[in-house]
Amino acid sequence: LTVIRDRRPVGLTVVIGEMPTDEPAVAAGSSAESWGLSVEPLGADTALRLNLPHSHGVVVVDVTPGGPADKAGLRRGDVILEVNRRSVGDPAALARDLAAVPPGQSVLVYIHRPGGSGGRNEYVVLGPTRP
């Protein structure tokens, strides 16, 4: 199956079968959505509006309930700074870094969590997605 994502064709493999009832549905693919999160670029204006000490990274705008990001504790408003100790500058870089993670394996994510006193930086372990 070929779909258009970010104005480019992306090939996907589709497997038809019965979905288990005790596991959350998580899309298989190479994007951040397959990890159960949606992100937006973090620009200087957004960083200023959110009172963040960073102007690089991506902002988590949605987390799929029960997905890998939710299980890792990611929340809306978190800023993803690094994936596997590699700096993340935009959603495309995040998608590439997450696509490089083999199915069934976890990935280390460095985030800034906004909050009182400027927030805090911490590591979370994301994944694994279903193989």
N, C-alpha and C. Protein backbone atom coordinates (compact mmCIF):
# COMPACT_ATOMS: atom_id res chain seq x y z
N LEU A 1 0.86 -1.16 0.00
CA LEU A 1 0.00 0.00 0.00
C LEU A 1 0.90 1.22 0.00
N THR A 2 0.56 2.20 -0.81
CA THR A 2 1.32 3.45 -0.85
C THR A 2 0.41 4.57 -0.41
N VAL A 3 0.89 5.39 0.52
CA VAL A 3 0.16 6.55 1.00
C VAL A 3 1.04 7.78 0.80
N ILE A 4 0.43 8.94 0.81
CA ILE A 4 1.17 10.19 0.69
C ILE A 4 1.28 10.79 2.08
N ARG A 5 2.50 11.03 2.54
CA ARG A 5 2.76 11.65 3.83
C ARG A 5 3.80 12.73 3.63
N ASP A 6 3.50 13.94 4.08
CA ASP A 6 4.39 15.08 3.89
C ASP A 6 4.75 15.25 2.42
N ARG A 7 3.76 15.07 1.55
CA ARG A 7 3.89 15.25 0.11
C ARG A 7 4.83 14.25 -0.56
N ARG A 8 5.09 13.13 0.10
CA ARG A 8 5.95 12.10 -0.48
C ARG A 8 5.25 10.75 -0.37
N PRO A 9 5.41 9.89 -1.38
CA PRO A 9 4.82 8.55 -1.27
C PRO A 9 5.60 7.71 -0.26
N VAL A 10 4.85 7.01 0.58
CA VAL A 10 5.44 6.13 1.58
C VAL A 10 4.80 4.76 1.42
N GLY A 11 5.62 3.73 1.26
CA GLY A 11 5.13 2.37 1.12
C GLY A 11 4.88 1.75 2.49
N LEU A 12 3.74 1.11 2.65
CA LEU A 12 3.39 0.44 3.89
C LEU A 12 3.01 -1.00 3.60
N THR A 13 3.31 -1.88 4.52
CA THR A 13 2.88 -3.26 4.43
C THR A 13 1.64 -3.42 5.28
N VAL A 14 0.60 -4.01 4.71
CA VAL A 14 -0.65 -4.19 5.42
C VAL A 14 -0.85 -5.67 5.69
N VAL A 15 -1.15 -6.00 6.94
CA VAL A 15 -1.44 -7.37 7.32
C VAL A 15 -2.87 -7.39 7.85
N ILE A 16 -3.69 -8.23 7.28
CA ILE A 16 -5.09 -8.32 7.69
C ILE A 16 -5.22 -9.48 8.66
N GLY A 17 -5.87 -9.20 9.77
CA GLY A 17 -6.07 -10.24 10.77
C GLY A 17 -6.99 -9.74 11.85
N GLU A 18 -7.26 -10.58 12.82
CA GLU A 18 -8.13 -10.21 13.92
C GLU A 18 -7.33 -9.43 14.95
N MET A 19 -7.86 -8.30 15.38
CA MET A 19 -7.18 -7.49 16.38
C MET A 19 -7.48 -8.05 17.76
N PRO A 20 -6.41 -8.26 18.57
CA PRO A 20 -6.64 -8.73 19.94
C PRO A 20 -7.45 -7.70 20.71
N THR A 21 -8.33 -8.17 21.58
CA THR A 21 -9.19 -7.25 22.31
C THR A 21 -8.53 -6.68 23.55
N ASP A 22 -7.44 -7.27 24.03
CA ASP A 22 -6.83 -6.80 25.27
C ASP A 22 -5.65 -5.85 25.04
N GLU A 23 -5.34 -5.53 23.78
CA GLU A 23 -4.24 -4.62 23.49
C GLU A 23 -4.78 -3.36 22.81
N PRO A 24 -4.20 -2.20 23.11
CA PRO A 24 -4.64 -0.99 22.43
C PRO A 24 -4.23 -1.01 20.97
N ALA A 25 -5.00 -0.35 20.14
CA ALA A 25 -4.67 -0.26 18.72
C ALA A 25 -3.62 0.81 18.52
N VAL A 26 -2.49 0.43 17.95
CA VAL A 26 -1.42 1.37 17.64
C VAL A 26 -1.03 1.14 16.21
N ALA A 27 -1.04 2.17 15.41
CA ALA A 27 -0.71 2.04 14.00
C ALA A 27 0.72 1.59 13.82
N ALA A 28 0.95 0.71 12.86
CA ALA A 28 2.30 0.29 12.54
C ALA A 28 2.83 1.17 11.44
N GLY A 29 4.03 1.64 11.57
CA GLY A 29 4.61 2.51 10.57
C GLY A 29 5.84 3.18 11.13
N SER A 30 6.35 4.15 10.39
CA SER A 30 7.62 4.75 10.80
C SER A 30 7.46 6.13 11.41
N SER A 31 6.23 6.58 11.62
CA SER A 31 6.04 7.94 12.12
C SER A 31 5.83 7.95 13.63
N ALA A 32 5.79 9.15 14.17
CA ALA A 32 5.55 9.31 15.60
C ALA A 32 4.19 8.75 15.99
N GLU A 33 3.22 8.77 15.05
CA GLU A 33 1.89 8.26 15.36
C GLU A 33 1.93 6.79 15.74
N SER A 34 2.86 6.03 15.16
CA SER A 34 2.94 4.61 15.50
C SER A 34 3.39 4.40 16.95
N TRP A 35 3.96 5.43 17.54
CA TRP A 35 4.37 5.38 18.95
C TRP A 35 3.30 6.00 19.84
N GLY A 36 2.20 6.43 19.24
CA GLY A 36 1.08 6.95 20.02
C GLY A 36 1.20 8.40 20.40
N LEU A 37 1.86 9.21 19.57
CA LEU A 37 1.94 10.63 19.88
C LEU A 37 1.93 11.46 18.61
N SER A 38 1.43 12.69 18.76
CA SER A 38 1.47 13.68 17.69
C SER A 38 2.28 14.86 18.20
N VAL A 39 3.09 15.43 17.32
CA VAL A 39 3.99 16.51 17.74
C VAL A 39 3.91 17.67 16.75
N GLU A 40 4.37 18.83 17.21
CA GLU A 40 4.52 20.01 16.38
C GLU A 40 5.91 20.58 16.59
N PRO A 41 6.43 21.32 15.62
CA PRO A 41 7.75 21.95 15.81
C PRO A 41 7.69 22.95 16.97
N LEU A 42 8.79 23.09 17.67
CA LEU A 42 8.90 24.08 18.73
C LEU A 42 9.71 25.24 18.20
N GLY A 43 9.06 26.34 17.94
CA GLY A 43 9.75 27.54 17.48
C GLY A 43 9.98 28.47 18.65
N ALA A 44 10.72 29.52 18.39
CA ALA A 44 11.03 30.49 19.44
C ALA A 44 9.76 31.14 19.99
N ASP A 45 8.79 31.41 19.11
CA ASP A 45 7.55 32.04 19.58
C ASP A 45 6.74 31.11 20.48
N THR A 46 6.69 29.82 20.13
CA THR A 46 5.98 28.85 20.98
C THR A 46 6.70 28.69 22.30
N ALA A 47 8.03 28.63 22.27
CA ALA A 47 8.81 28.49 23.50
C ALA A 47 8.56 29.68 24.43
N LEU A 48 8.50 30.87 23.85
CA LEU A 48 8.24 32.07 24.64
C LEU A 48 6.84 32.05 25.22
N ARG A 49 5.87 31.67 24.39
CA ARG A 49 4.47 31.62 24.85
C ARG A 49 4.28 30.61 25.97
N LEU A 50 4.99 29.47 25.89
CA LEU A 50 4.87 28.43 26.91
C LEU A 50 5.87 28.61 28.06
N ASN A 51 6.66 29.70 27.99
CA ASN A 51 7.66 30.00 29.02
C ASN A 51 8.66 28.84 29.18
N LEU A 52 9.19 28.38 28.04
CA LEU A 52 10.12 27.26 28.05
C LEU A 52 11.56 27.77 27.92
N PRO A 53 12.50 27.09 28.56
CA PRO A 53 13.90 27.49 28.45
C PRO A 53 14.55 27.02 27.15
N HIS A 54 13.82 26.24 26.33
CA HIS A 54 14.36 25.67 25.09
C HIS A 54 13.63 26.26 23.90
N SER A 55 14.33 26.38 22.77
CA SER A 55 13.67 26.77 21.52
C SER A 55 13.93 25.73 20.44
N HIS A 56 14.40 24.55 20.84
CA HIS A 56 14.56 23.46 19.89
C HIS A 56 13.80 22.24 20.41
N GLY A 57 13.54 21.30 19.54
CA GLY A 57 12.77 20.12 19.91
C GLY A 57 11.40 20.16 19.29
N VAL A 58 10.54 19.26 19.73
CA VAL A 58 9.16 19.19 19.27
C VAL A 58 8.23 19.12 20.47
N VAL A 59 7.06 19.73 20.33
CA VAL A 59 6.08 19.75 21.41
C VAL A 59 5.07 18.64 21.18
N VAL A 60 4.80 17.86 22.22
CA VAL A 60 3.78 16.82 22.16
C VAL A 60 2.42 17.50 22.22
N VAL A 61 1.59 17.31 21.19
CA VAL A 61 0.27 17.93 21.15
C VAL A 61 -0.85 16.93 21.42
N ASP A 62 -0.55 15.62 21.30
CA ASP A 62 -1.56 14.61 21.57
C ASP A 62 -0.88 13.30 21.89
N VAL A 63 -1.46 12.55 22.82
CA VAL A 63 -0.96 11.23 23.20
C VAL A 63 -2.13 10.25 23.12
N THR A 64 -1.94 9.15 22.40
CA THR A 64 -2.97 8.14 22.26
C THR A 64 -3.10 7.36 23.55
N PRO A 65 -4.30 7.35 24.16
CA PRO A 65 -4.48 6.58 25.40
C PRO A 65 -4.13 5.11 25.20
N GLY A 66 -3.32 4.58 26.10
CA GLY A 66 -2.91 3.18 26.05
C GLY A 66 -1.77 2.89 25.10
N GLY A 67 -1.32 3.88 24.33
CA GLY A 67 -0.22 3.67 23.39
C GLY A 67 1.13 3.73 24.09
N PRO A 68 2.21 3.44 23.37
CA PRO A 68 3.54 3.45 23.96
C PRO A 68 3.91 4.78 24.62
N ALA A 69 3.55 5.91 24.01
CA ALA A 69 3.87 7.21 24.59
C ALA A 69 3.12 7.41 25.91
N ASP A 70 1.87 7.00 25.95
CA ASP A 70 1.06 7.10 27.17
C ASP A 70 1.65 6.23 28.27
N LYS A 71 2.02 5.02 27.92
CA LYS A 71 2.61 4.10 28.90
C LYS A 71 3.95 4.62 29.43
N ALA A 72 4.68 5.38 28.60
CA ALA A 72 5.96 5.95 29.02
C ALA A 72 5.76 7.18 29.91
N GLY A 73 4.53 7.71 29.95
CA GLY A 73 4.26 8.86 30.78
C GLY A 73 4.34 10.19 30.06
N LEU A 74 4.47 10.17 28.73
CA LEU A 74 4.50 11.43 27.98
C LEU A 74 3.13 12.09 28.07
N ARG A 75 3.14 13.43 28.12
CA ARG A 75 1.91 14.19 28.24
C ARG A 75 1.90 15.32 27.22
N ARG A 76 0.71 15.81 26.96
CA ARG A 76 0.56 16.97 26.09
C ARG A 76 1.34 18.13 26.72
N GLY A 77 2.13 18.84 25.90
CA GLY A 77 2.93 19.95 26.39
C GLY A 77 4.38 19.60 26.67
N ASP A 78 4.69 18.29 26.79
CA ASP A 78 6.08 17.89 26.95
C ASP A 78 6.86 18.27 25.69
N VAL A 79 8.13 18.59 25.86
CA VAL A 79 8.99 18.93 24.73
C VAL A 79 10.02 17.82 24.58
N ILE A 80 10.02 17.16 23.43
CA ILE A 80 11.00 16.10 23.17
C ILE A 80 12.26 16.77 22.65
N LEU A 81 13.37 16.58 23.38
CA LEU A 81 14.65 17.20 23.03
C LEU A 81 15.58 16.23 22.32
N GLU A 82 15.56 14.95 22.74
CA GLU A 82 16.46 13.94 22.16
C GLU A 82 15.76 12.59 22.08
N VAL A 83 16.17 11.80 21.10
CA VAL A 83 15.76 10.40 20.98
C VAL A 83 17.04 9.60 20.80
N ASN A 84 17.26 8.63 21.69
CA ASN A 84 18.49 7.83 21.67
C ASN A 84 19.73 8.73 21.67
N ARG A 85 19.69 9.78 22.49
CA ARG A 85 20.79 10.73 22.67
C ARG A 85 21.13 11.53 21.41
N ARG A 86 20.18 11.60 20.46
CA ARG A 86 20.33 12.43 19.26
C ARG A 86 19.34 13.57 19.35
N SER A 87 19.81 14.79 19.13
CA SER A 87 18.97 15.97 19.21
C SER A 87 17.85 15.91 18.18
N VAL A 88 16.66 16.32 18.59
CA VAL A 88 15.49 16.35 17.71
C VAL A 88 15.17 17.81 17.42
N GLY A 89 15.21 18.18 16.14
CA GLY A 89 14.96 19.57 15.77
C GLY A 89 13.59 19.83 15.18
N ASP A 90 12.96 18.78 14.64
CA ASP A 90 11.66 18.96 14.00
C ASP A 90 10.93 17.61 13.94
N PRO A 91 9.64 17.62 13.61
CA PRO A 91 8.90 16.36 13.56
C PRO A 91 9.48 15.34 12.58
N ALA A 92 10.05 15.78 11.48
CA ALA A 92 10.65 14.84 10.52
C ALA A 92 11.84 14.12 11.14
N ALA A 93 12.65 14.83 11.91
CA ALA A 93 13.80 14.20 12.58
C ALA A 93 13.32 13.20 13.62
N LEU A 94 12.25 13.55 14.33
CA LEU A 94 11.69 12.61 15.31
C LEU A 94 11.20 11.35 14.61
N ALA A 95 10.50 11.52 13.50
CA ALA A 95 9.99 10.36 12.75
C ALA A 95 11.14 9.48 12.26
N ARG A 96 12.22 10.10 11.76
CA ARG A 96 13.38 9.32 11.29
C ARG A 96 14.02 8.54 12.45
N ASP A 97 14.19 9.21 13.59
CA ASP A 97 14.83 8.55 14.73
C ASP A 97 13.96 7.41 15.26
N LEU A 98 12.65 7.61 15.31
CA LEU A 98 11.77 6.54 15.78
C LEU A 98 11.68 5.41 14.77
N ALA A 99 11.76 5.74 13.48
CA ALA A 99 11.72 4.70 12.44
C ALA A 99 12.96 3.81 12.51
N ALA A 100 14.06 4.34 13.03
CA ALA A 100 15.30 3.57 13.12
C ALA A 100 15.28 2.56 14.27
N VAL A 101 14.29 2.65 15.14
CA VAL A 101 14.20 1.72 16.27
C VAL A 101 13.58 0.42 15.76
N PRO A 102 14.29 -0.71 15.94
CA PRO A 102 13.73 -1.99 15.48
C PRO A 102 12.42 -2.31 16.18
N PRO A 103 11.47 -2.92 15.46
CA PRO A 103 10.19 -3.29 16.08
C PRO A 103 10.42 -4.14 17.32
N GLY A 104 9.65 -3.85 18.35
CA GLY A 104 9.75 -4.62 19.59
C GLY A 104 10.78 -4.10 20.57
N GLN A 105 11.55 -3.07 20.17
CA GLN A 105 12.56 -2.52 21.07
C GLN A 105 12.11 -1.17 21.61
N SER A 106 12.67 -0.80 22.76
CA SER A 106 12.37 0.47 23.40
C SER A 106 13.36 1.53 22.95
N VAL A 107 13.03 2.79 23.24
CA VAL A 107 13.90 3.90 22.87
C VAL A 107 13.94 4.90 24.02
N LEU A 108 15.12 5.45 24.27
CA LEU A 108 15.33 6.44 25.33
C LEU A 108 14.99 7.83 24.78
N VAL A 109 14.12 8.57 25.49
CA VAL A 109 13.68 9.88 25.05
C VAL A 109 13.96 10.89 26.16
N TYR A 110 14.64 11.98 25.81
CA TYR A 110 14.95 13.05 26.76
C TYR A 110 13.95 14.17 26.53
N ILE A 111 13.21 14.54 27.59
CA ILE A 111 12.15 15.53 27.46
C ILE A 111 12.32 16.67 28.45
N HIS A 112 11.65 17.77 28.14
CA HIS A 112 11.48 18.86 29.10
C HIS A 112 10.01 18.87 29.45
N ARG A 113 9.72 18.76 30.73
CA ARG A 113 8.34 18.79 31.21
C ARG A 113 8.08 20.14 31.86
N PRO A 114 7.25 20.99 31.23
CA PRO A 114 6.95 22.29 31.81
C PRO A 114 6.26 22.14 33.15
N GLY A 115 6.45 23.13 33.99
CA GLY A 115 5.80 23.13 35.30
C GLY A 115 6.34 24.25 36.14
N GLY A 116 6.03 24.21 37.42
CA GLY A 116 6.51 25.23 38.34
C GLY A 116 8.02 25.33 38.34
N SER A 117 8.52 26.52 38.61
CA SER A 117 9.96 26.79 38.66
C SER A 117 10.68 26.45 37.36
N GLY A 118 10.02 26.65 36.21
CA GLY A 118 10.67 26.43 34.92
C GLY A 118 10.59 25.02 34.40
N GLY A 119 10.00 24.10 35.16
CA GLY A 119 9.89 22.72 34.72
C GLY A 119 11.15 21.92 35.00
N ARG A 120 11.22 20.74 34.40
CA ARG A 120 12.39 19.89 34.61
C ARG A 120 12.64 19.03 33.38
N ASN A 121 13.89 18.60 33.24
CA ASN A 121 14.27 17.68 32.17
C ASN A 121 14.36 16.29 32.74
N GLU A 122 13.95 15.30 31.96
CA GLU A 122 14.02 13.92 32.41
C GLU A 122 14.05 12.97 31.22
N TYR A 123 14.47 11.75 31.49
CA TYR A 123 14.46 10.69 30.49
C TYR A 123 13.24 9.81 30.71
N VAL A 124 12.63 9.35 29.62
CA VAL A 124 11.58 8.35 29.68
C VAL A 124 11.93 7.27 28.67
N VAL A 125 11.43 6.08 28.90
CA VAL A 125 11.65 4.96 27.98
C VAL A 125 10.35 4.75 27.22
N LEU A 126 10.44 4.89 25.90
CA LEU A 126 9.28 4.79 25.03
C LEU A 126 9.29 3.45 24.32
N GLY A 127 8.18 2.76 24.40
CA GLY A 127 8.02 1.54 23.62
C GLY A 127 8.02 0.32 24.49
N PRO A 128 8.04 -0.80 23.87
CA PRO A 128 8.15 -1.01 22.42
C PRO A 128 6.80 -0.99 21.74
N THR A 129 6.84 -0.74 20.42
CA THR A 129 5.63 -0.89 19.62
C THR A 129 5.50 -2.36 19.34
N ARG A 130 4.33 -2.73 18.86
CA ARG A 130 4.15 -4.15 18.53
C ARG A 130 4.96 -4.49 17.28
N PRO A 131 5.67 -5.63 17.28
CA PRO A 131 6.45 -6.02 16.10
C PRO A 131 5.57 -6.36 14.92
